[in-house]
Protein backbone atom coordinates (compact mmCIF):
# COMPACT_ATOMS: atom_id res chain seq x y z
CA MET A 1 -0.49 8.85 10.60
CA ARG A 2 -0.48 12.13 8.67
CA ALA A 3 0.66 13.91 11.82
CA ALA A 4 3.75 11.71 11.99
CA VAL A 5 5.09 13.40 8.85
CA PRO A 6 3.61 16.91 8.59
CA GLY A 7 3.73 19.23 5.62
CA GLY A 8 2.41 16.94 2.90
CA ARG A 9 -0.62 17.49 0.74
CA MET A 10 -3.86 15.75 -0.12
CA ASP A 11 -4.61 14.57 -3.65
CA ARG A 12 -6.09 11.45 -5.22
CA VAL A 13 -4.64 8.26 -6.68
CA GLN A 14 -6.91 5.82 -8.51
CA GLY A 15 -9.79 7.95 -7.24
CA ARG A 16 -8.74 7.41 -3.61
CA PRO A 17 -7.72 10.23 -1.24
CA ARG A 18 -3.97 10.22 -0.65
CA TYR A 19 -1.77 12.13 1.78
CA CYS A 20 1.70 12.45 0.27
CA ALA A 21 4.84 13.95 1.83
CA SER A 22 8.51 13.89 0.87
CA VAL A 23 10.67 11.84 3.24
CA GLY A 24 14.41 11.73 2.64
CA VAL A 25 14.79 10.94 -1.06
CA GLY A 26 11.42 9.22 -1.24
CA GLU A 27 7.76 9.73 -0.46
CA TYR A 28 5.40 8.75 2.33
CA TRP A 29 1.84 7.89 1.29
CA VAL A 30 -1.13 7.49 3.60
CA ILE A 31 -4.15 5.77 2.05
CA GLN A 32 -7.32 5.05 4.04
CA THR A 33 -8.53 1.59 3.03
CA GLY A 34 -11.87 1.55 4.80
CA VAL A 35 -13.05 -1.14 7.20
CA GLY A 36 -12.78 -4.83 6.35
CA PRO A 37 -10.78 -7.19 4.15
CA GLN A 38 -12.65 -6.53 0.91
CA LYS A 39 -12.01 -2.80 1.02
CA ALA A 40 -8.41 -3.40 2.09
CA HIS A 41 -7.81 -5.78 -0.84
CA ALA A 42 -9.22 -3.28 -3.32
CA ALA A 43 -7.35 -0.27 -1.94
CA ALA A 44 -4.01 -2.06 -1.71
CA ARG A 45 -4.38 -3.49 -5.22
CA ASP A 46 -5.11 -0.05 -6.67
CA VAL A 47 -2.26 1.70 -4.86
CA LEU A 48 0.48 -0.92 -5.11
CA SER A 49 -0.02 -1.11 -8.88
CA GLN A 50 1.02 2.54 -9.30
CA GLN A 51 4.78 2.26 -8.79
CA ALA A 52 7.50 0.42 -6.88
CA PHE A 53 7.40 0.73 -3.09
CA ALA A 54 10.13 0.03 -0.53
CA LEU A 55 7.61 -0.93 2.16
CA ALA A 56 3.87 -1.31 2.71
CA VAL A 57 2.73 -0.74 6.30
CA SER A 58 -0.62 -1.77 7.72
CA SER A 59 -1.26 0.83 10.39
CA GLY A 60 -4.14 1.88 12.61
CA PHE A 61 -5.82 0.34 15.65
CA ALA A 62 -5.85 -3.27 16.80
CA CYS A 63 -7.28 -5.47 19.51
CA ALA A 64 -4.63 -6.98 21.77
CA LEU A 65 -4.68 -10.78 21.90
CA THR A 66 -2.09 -10.77 24.65
CA GLN A 67 -1.66 -8.87 27.88
CA ALA A 68 -1.27 -5.21 26.95
CA ALA A 69 -2.29 -1.66 27.82
CA ILE A 70 -4.24 0.83 25.73
CA GLY A 71 -1.78 2.60 23.41
CA ASP A 72 0.80 -0.20 23.36
CA ILE A 73 2.31 -0.75 19.91
CA LEU A 74 1.90 -4.15 18.26
CA ILE A 75 4.28 -5.02 15.44
CA GLY A 76 3.76 -7.92 13.07
CA THR A 77 5.62 -9.38 10.11
CA ARG A 78 3.12 -12.20 9.51
CA ALA A 79 -0.66 -12.05 9.19
CA ALA A 80 -3.35 -14.67 8.66
CA ALA A 81 -6.97 -14.23 7.65
CA VAL A 82 -9.75 -15.72 9.80
CA ARG A 83 -12.69 -16.90 7.69
CA ASP A 84 -15.74 -18.56 9.26
CA GLY A 85 -13.66 -19.32 12.33
CA GLU A 86 -10.82 -20.98 10.39
CA VAL A 87 -7.33 -19.47 10.43
CA LEU A 88 -5.75 -19.49 6.98
CA ASP A 89 -2.03 -19.58 6.19
CA TYR A 90 0.16 -16.80 7.53
CA LEU A 91 1.54 -14.40 4.91
CA GLU A 92 4.89 -12.64 5.10
CA VAL A 93 6.88 -10.45 2.71
CA ALA A 94 10.44 -9.75 3.84
CA GLY A 95 12.74 -7.04 2.54
CA ASP A 96 15.55 -4.65 3.42
CA GLU A 97 13.33 -1.70 4.37
CA ARG A 98 11.17 -3.92 6.58
CA GLN A 99 14.29 -5.17 8.32
CA ARG A 100 15.39 -1.58 8.97
CA TRP A 101 12.00 -0.68 10.46
CA CYS A 102 11.99 -3.78 12.67
CA ALA A 103 15.47 -2.91 13.94
CA MET A 104 14.41 0.65 14.75
CA LEU A 105 11.17 -0.41 16.42
CA SER A 106 12.88 -3.05 18.55
CA GLY A 107 15.95 -0.94 19.36
CA SER A 108 14.26 2.27 20.50
CA GLU A 109 14.09 2.81 24.26
CA ALA A 110 11.18 5.17 23.62
CA LEU A 111 9.17 2.22 22.30
CA ALA A 112 9.53 -0.06 25.30
CA CYS A 113 5.81 -0.80 24.98
CA ALA A 114 6.23 -2.33 21.49
CA THR A 115 5.49 -6.06 21.13
CA PHE A 116 6.32 -8.25 18.15
CA GLY A 117 4.06 -11.14 17.22
CA LEU A 118 1.60 -12.77 14.84
CA PHE A 119 -1.49 -10.95 13.58
CA LEU A 120 -4.96 -12.22 12.77
CA SER A 121 -7.42 -10.45 10.47
CA ALA A 122 -11.08 -11.33 10.93
CA ASP A 123 -13.82 -10.82 8.35
CA ARG A 124 -15.99 -9.14 10.98
CA ILE A 125 -15.56 -7.17 14.18
CA VAL A 126 -14.87 -9.48 17.11
CA TYR A 127 -16.57 -7.71 20.01
CA ARG A 128 -17.11 -10.52 22.52
CA ALA A 129 -14.34 -11.00 25.09
CA ALA A 130 -14.85 -14.77 25.11
CA GLU A 131 -14.26 -14.97 21.36
CA LYS A 132 -11.11 -12.88 21.63
CA VAL A 133 -9.76 -15.16 24.34
CA ALA A 134 -10.60 -18.27 22.30
CA LEU A 135 -8.70 -16.91 19.28
CA ALA A 136 -5.72 -15.99 21.45
CA GLU A 137 -5.57 -19.45 23.02
CA ARG A 138 -5.88 -21.22 19.66
CA THR A 139 -3.29 -19.19 17.78
CA ARG A 140 -0.99 -17.45 20.28
CA ALA A 141 -1.33 -14.37 18.06
CA THR A 142 -0.55 -10.91 19.43
CA GLY A 143 -2.96 -8.65 17.56
CA LEU A 144 -6.33 -8.73 15.83
CA ASP A 145 -7.66 -6.44 13.11
CA MET A 146 -9.65 -6.75 9.89
CA GLU A 147 -7.28 -5.52 7.16
CA SER A 148 -3.66 -6.62 7.65
CA ALA A 149 -3.95 -10.07 6.05
CA ALA A 150 -5.58 -8.55 2.95
CA LEU A 151 -2.83 -5.96 2.70
CA ALA A 152 -0.19 -8.66 3.16
CA SER A 153 -1.77 -10.68 0.34
CA GLU A 154 -1.70 -7.72 -2.07
CA ALA A 155 1.85 -6.80 -0.98
CA ARG A 156 3.00 -10.32 -1.75
CA ALA A 157 1.37 -10.18 -5.18
CA ALA A 158 3.14 -6.87 -5.87
CA GLN A 159 6.40 -8.12 -4.32
CA VAL A 160 6.50 -5.27 -1.80
CA PRO A 161 7.91 -5.86 1.71
CA PHE A 162 5.17 -5.71 4.32
CA LEU A 163 4.95 -4.74 7.99
CA ILE A 164 2.20 -4.17 10.58
CA VAL A 165 2.47 -1.30 13.07
CA ARG A 166 -0.74 -0.84 15.06
CA SER A 167 -1.77 0.61 18.38
CA VAL A 168 -3.95 -1.17 20.95
CA SER A 169 -7.42 0.39 21.19
CA ASP A 170 -9.20 -2.50 22.96
CA LEU A 171 -8.00 -5.25 25.25
CA LEU A 172 -8.12 -9.04 25.24
CA ARG A 173 -10.74 -9.46 27.95
CA GLU A 174 -12.63 -6.28 27.14
CA GLU A 175 -16.19 -6.50 25.86
CA LEU A 176 -17.00 -3.86 23.24
CA PRO A 177 -20.14 -1.86 24.06
CA LEU A 178 -22.19 -3.25 21.15
CA ASP A 179 -22.03 -5.29 17.97
CA PHE A 180 -20.36 -2.82 15.58
CA ASN A 181 -20.91 -5.22 12.68
CA LEU A 182 -24.43 -3.80 12.47
CA PHE A 183 -22.98 -0.53 11.21
CA LEU A 184 -21.02 -2.25 8.42
CA ARG A 185 -24.17 -3.46 6.65
CA PRO A 186 -26.01 -1.27 4.15
CA THR A 187 -29.13 -1.07 6.33
CA GLY A 188 -27.39 -1.79 9.60
CA TRP A 189 -27.41 1.76 10.92
CA VAL A 190 -31.08 1.49 11.80
CA LYS A 191 -30.46 -1.67 13.83
CA GLY A 192 -27.32 -0.17 15.34
CA VAL A 193 -29.13 2.93 16.53
CA GLY A 194 -31.95 0.69 17.78
CA ALA A 195 -29.45 -1.32 19.80
CA LEU A 196 -28.14 1.87 21.39
CA LEU A 197 -31.62 3.06 22.27
CA ALA A 198 -32.51 -0.33 23.73
CA HIS A 199 -29.34 -0.34 25.88
CA PRO A 200 -28.50 3.25 26.87
CA SER A 201 -25.64 1.95 29.03
CA SER A 202 -23.83 1.25 25.74
CA LEU A 203 -23.24 5.01 25.49
CA LEU A 204 -20.90 4.79 28.47
CA GLY A 205 -18.98 2.04 26.69
CA LEU A 206 -18.79 4.11 23.51
CA ASN A 207 -17.36 7.03 25.46
CA ARG A 208 -14.77 4.71 27.02
CA LEU A 209 -13.83 3.43 23.58
CA ARG A 210 -13.57 7.00 22.26
CA LYS A 211 -11.09 7.87 25.00
CA GLN A 212 -9.10 4.69 24.38
CA SER A 213 -8.98 5.44 20.65
CA ALA A 214 -7.57 8.91 21.35
CA ILE A 215 -4.81 7.37 23.49
CA ALA A 216 -4.08 4.76 20.81
CA ALA A 217 -3.93 7.42 18.08
CA ALA A 218 -1.45 9.56 20.01
CA ALA A 219 0.75 6.53 20.73
CA LEU A 220 0.73 5.46 17.08
CA THR A 221 1.70 8.95 15.89
CA LYS A 222 4.56 9.05 18.39
CA SER A 223 5.88 5.63 17.33
CA LEU A 224 5.87 6.59 13.65
CA GLN A 225 7.60 9.89 14.45
CA ILE A 226 10.33 7.98 16.26
CA VAL A 227 10.85 5.68 13.27
CA PHE A 228 10.95 8.50 10.74
CA ASN A 229 13.35 10.48 12.92
CA ALA A 230 15.67 7.48 13.20
CA ARG A 231 15.38 6.56 9.53
CA PHE A 232 15.40 9.98 7.85
CA GLY A 233 16.25 12.54 10.51
CA VAL A 234 12.68 13.85 10.50
CA ARG A 235 11.81 15.78 13.68
CA PRO A 236 8.19 15.60 14.90
CA ASP A 237 7.90 19.40 14.72
CA SER A 238 9.52 19.76 11.28
CA ARG A 239 7.71 20.94 8.19
CA MET A 240 8.21 18.43 5.41
CA THR A 241 8.62 19.50 1.80
CA MET A 242 5.40 19.33 -0.14
CA THR A 243 5.30 16.81 -2.96
CA PRO A 244 4.83 18.57 -6.32
C-alpha cells in the first residue's frame, strides 16, 4: 500500500506508525491496524479522531467467498461482523469520494478481475474450507476478513465515507495449512510451533500461502496505483512530494 504512492515518509500519529504522502491537494495515510476487530476498532478510532477525512479504505488481504483467483480484487461498500457464528447488521457509509473510487474501480479495463460484493469480518481466522463454504452459502458475501466491519463501524461514528479494497490471498474451498488462531493468543506461539512440528507437511502449505500472499500484494499495489493515477494523475513510478 505504501508502494502505490511512493515518496512519503514514516512518522507516528497517536503513537501509531503512519506512512504519509501528499496526493493532489490532500494526503494519503497508511496505518497498520494489526490483526482482528479489537485492534482495528482501536486504530481506526485513534486515527479518525485526528482530522476530517474524505475516505477511509480497509485494504489488505481477504479470503474469497465466491469463485475467484489468487490476486483478484474484492471491493465492498458494506461489511458485517460475524460473532459466535451470527452475522450482525451490515454497515455502510456513503460519500462523494467513495462514489468516485467505485466508478474508477468498476470502469478500469485494467481491473477486469475486480468484483463488488458484501464483506464479512470474523472475530477469528476461518481456516477450514467447510466453514468458508457454509458462510458463503448463508450470506452470499464476496469476501471475508477480520477488520473491515470494525473499520466501517468507526468510520460511521466519525461520519467518514468507507470502502473496502482487498486482494484475494486464499480461496473459498482452500484449507489453510494450520489453525493460525493459535498465534493470536498470548501463549499461542508455543502451541503453534508444536502444531508445525507435529505436522511437518504444514510447511508446504505455509510456503504455498507465502507465494499466494506475494501475488495478492502485487495485485493490490497495482490496483491502488491505477486508482491514484486516475484520480490524481499519479504515475506508479513517480516520486511523491514528502509531507512536511
